Structures are given as structure tokens and as C-alpha cells.
């Protein structure tokens, strides 16, 4: 039996089957419970919930992909559906047909902002069966008020030690939230917490549940890829050496031990750009485990002798956590190496500006798993029984289930109709010039000039957003704006996450027609209504075509285009946020023509040509603007027949 067969065997859910009448009765009871609390049980919601329950509990499917457009109420669907799951499991168990030994549901989210929104909705609709556990930095330490639970005073102490030494153990906000979520019918967690918990052997609070509901599911493959990518840097050796010196100064003896790979040898490893995988995974892995254990022993010693050693304990806590993280990553990649070594990709990059006395650079080693489907299967799918994937931008359904390794015969797809009015939200192809690597230098300044024209001539008094995709284009646009008094005042740029937050607050809080511009604006930006009346995409957001991307394309032919399409859809969606919202979208790079027609009707049906004033190229030979080809109908929209069939919907008595 292959490893993949074992994984598939592991995730077969228990045979829990309901009848159509069971589902109808449960939906009626949930409707009676929450209709008076503000949830509107219209035909769309009832039909969607019934279809989901039918697929999982009557037809026996394991995976459902639900494409629900922005504004369609994905959070409400998840609330009602998770309540139905709990009720159906309870009903089936009471009848004695079957039972599930575990809690009903997880609701997984991708961001704190989304969790905050969910928290508000749970209070508004008085939903008591769903409890949220946020990241540890969101909870205050009661023992030391200037710290959060992440840097808590009791860090490194066992549960018994914490209860004995800290008066606040039973009042700790994080511990209370974790306990509440662990026993709740539905636990709302972020993806990172879920993935970290599920890969540990010791799970006192959270284990497999019957249903795992994934919001913003189009991000999940990237989240898993990022989580199981690790950069091993020379800085870790520097930290270890500094802690050793601190311990020696404080008269704590730490021996090097009989290691085949000493600390000095480990440091030498980082001078070799072509250090072997075996050295990183095995020799360096032994070193990390050795010093983790030594520092844990030192930490235990200082806990028993705490006088004047608080700072040492804090430093030990931090490095122990980082060593545990590194050890976990190395363990994961050792397992990959032993089972499918061709899937380990190591990317090197120069570390800082450091050079030794011989003029040598030090290098970072970034470990990535090229077997994306196996990675997703082992770290996510195998940790679930039944999975609901929800997103407004699923993309191609078959690509998604192929990527996640879902059995097509056990999977279903539902696409809810888009209720947004896009009649006043055209998407203009400006055809300003190709920004491929070959044509970039020739066309980029003309493209920047067209952006300036749109700002000054078409939207002089509107707020909006400009996606530069790269920092290089951002810098060119910023230079162009600095040279123009009006644009210098109006277009807001940022350098990091904190300045981006300030820029967004400025745009939303001031009456002036500010515009935010830069890369990485495709997610988590809500420019509804007058906050965003236009949206400019300067360059097609192709992933950087480095050696890793090239390897991934060879393994998965749709990997590159899928990531690009998702980025485009997300970028366009920043300025149409509700049913009656409207905005103008401008696609500057001529290469948008090659990919935009492959998106769905809500985008292809809005395409128009925009004739900006003609610009001549620097050589005065041909004009930049050309007529783009007539848009095609794009990809077929796949709407599941379950939502149009009346064979069971007509039987619903409400």
C-alpha cells in the first residue's frame, strides 16, 4: 500500500447517514431558533444549507467546494451549517444509528480581521455554540500587564507549575478562550494555529472534528506552502553562541558533547552555497536538538533558582521556542527526504552584508516542499474528516481538487449566483504596452504615464487604489508623482505593514481624494463605496519566475496561471464590496489580454476598450496603443445542477 493510499484510508469519515426528513427537521429547528435574532432565512440560504447537508449526510460526499461571491453571506452560511451539523450528529447518535466520537466543527479563517468580524456577528446573532480562539498576541498577560500571552511570565512552565506559582492561572484570558473553544460545538481558529496543533502528537485541546469549514479557501494552499517552508540562517548560530556566553558568565556550565557536527563546523556550513541536504537535515538537525535540550535544562535550573535571573529565563524562552520551530521543520523535511527526496527544494541567498576575513559571504538556506499535493494531504486533508471549502475566488474547480488531492467521486461543487450589479463597473483594457521582461524597459514609463493620465483626467476627485505588483514599479510611479504637485499630495505610498495601515486609515478618514499605491494590496483591503471608485492594475501579477517557480510549473502545469488568476480576481475585488457598489477598473499591461478572458463571466462580461491619448514610443516608429482583440466568453461558468434541480428543493416545506 502506498503512502497516498494510507492517507486516503485514514481520512475516510465515519458512516453517519441522515434522511431527507432529518435534514428538513434540523433546518426548521435552526430557523426557528435564529430567525428572530436577525438571520434572514431566504430561499438562497435555505437552499444552500439543504444542499450542503444533503451532500454530506445523505449522499456521503467528503469534500464540497462552495464558490460564494463577496456579499453572499459566507459567514452566515458557515454559522447556520455548523449548527445543522451539530444537530444532525446529535440526532443520529440519539437514534442509535451511529455516533461520532468528537466535536462537530472547525471554522478556519485566514486573518485576525475576519475573526473580529466573526466575533461581532456571533454576538449580534446570539450564537452560543461557536467560540473563537485568536492568536496568542491578542490576549493580555494578567501577571505582567505590559506583555501578551505570547511573551507571558509563565512561559516555559508546566501546567502544574503555572497553577502553583501564578495567581492568575485560572483567570488567564487566553487559557479561558482556549478551554471554551476546545469544548464548543464549533471552534473558530486561524489556519496557522490549526495546522500547528494538528501536526503535534500531544493534542489535549483540539483534535479531528467531523466537519472542517475553510473560509477564504483559495489562500489555503499558499498558507500551507508558506508554513512548511523554512529559512535556516546563520543568525541562529549567532544566537546560540550568545546564550552560551551568557550562561558561562552566570556560572552555568554547558558542555559541547560528542557531536559529529560541532558549533564551529555548523558556522562553516553557512559559507558554502552548495551545502548538501544531508548536512542541513541531519548534522545541523542534531546540533539544534542538542542545544534545545541543553537550554531547556538550563531553563529548568533557573526556574528553581529565579533570583536575578529573569532576563536569562526570557532569553532562554525565546531561543528554545525558535529552536523547537527549527527542529520541527527539519523533522518534517527529513521525513520528506526519506520518502520522496526529489521533492525537497533548497534555495540559497546571501545573508546580509557580512564577509569573513577571506572575503566569503554567508548564505541562508530556504527549504521548500515541491510535492504540494502530498504536503497538503499530509498536513491538512489527513487531519480532517469532511471538508467544506468556501471562497469568492475558487478559480477552476478541477484544478483545486487536483491540487488538494480530493477524490473527484467524493467531491461536489456549488457556485452561488453573483447578485452584484456590475453594470456601472466596467473593466477597461488600456493596452498601454507589454510589461514582459523583454519589453519592460521600453514600455514601463509609458504605462506609468497612462496611470498619471487616468488619475488626472478621468478620476481627479475620486479615491482609489493602484496595484503596482512590484516594488520596482512602485518606485517609478512614486518618482513620477513626486514630479507632479497634484499627484505628490494625492498618491500615498508605504514601505511596510505599519505604514500601509496608516495610509489606509488616512484614505478612509480624510475627505481629500487620496489614492493608495503599491504591491501586496490584493488581500484584506476593503475600499467600499466612495473609499474606492477606481482600481488600477499596472502589471499582470505573474509570480516571480525563479528556479522554484520553474520546478513547480514542470510538476503542475496550471500552478503558475492559477496563482496569477487568483491575484487578478482578488485585486479587482478591492473596490466592489457590496451589491450596489461600483468602480472603474483599468488594466494597463497589454499582457492582461492573454489571461483576462480566461476568468469568469463577472469579469469577462465587463471588459471594454479604453482609448487613451496616443503616445509614441521613444524611437518614433509605432504607437503604443493598439486595438485589443475582442473579448471571448472566457471559461464556462460551472454552476452545480443541485441548485437548479427541483427534485428535492420543491419538497422543502418552508
Foldseek 3Di string as FASTA:
>chain_A
DDPVVVLVVLQAAPQAADDLVLLLVLLVVLCVVQVVLPDDPDLVLVLVLSVVCCLCHHVNFFEEEEADAFARCPLSSVLSNLSSQQSSQVVRVVVVVDHDDAAAEEEAEADPVVVVVSVVVCVSRVPDLEAEQEDQQVFAAPVDRVGTSVLHLCQLPDLVVCVVPPPCSVVGPNVVSQQSQLPGNYYYYYPVVVLVQAVDPDRPRDAAHAEYEYEQLLCVLVVLQVLLKDKDFLVLLVLLVVLCVVCVVVVHDDDQPPAPQGSVNVNVQQLDQCRDPCCVLPRVLVNLVRSLVVLSVVLVVCVVVVPPCSVSNSSSSVSNVVSVSSNVSSVVLVVCCVRPVVQKDWDKDFDDPDADPVRTTGIMIMIGGLLSQVSLSVSPSSRYRGYYHYYNPPDDPVLVCVRNVNDPVSYYYAYDDDLADAPQAFEAEALQEACDPVCNVQGLVSLLVVVVCCCVPVPVQAAAEEAQLDVVSVVVNQVVQVVPPSSPVAEDEDDDPVSVVVLLCCLVVDNGRHYYYYHPPLPDAACEARSHQEAEYRHQNFPDPDPSVVSSCVVPVCPRLSVSVVSVVSRSPNYHNHRHTYHYYYYRHNCCLVRQLQDACSHLVRYDYDHDPWDATPVNDDISGDDRDRRDNHDDDDHDCSSVDVPCVVVNPD
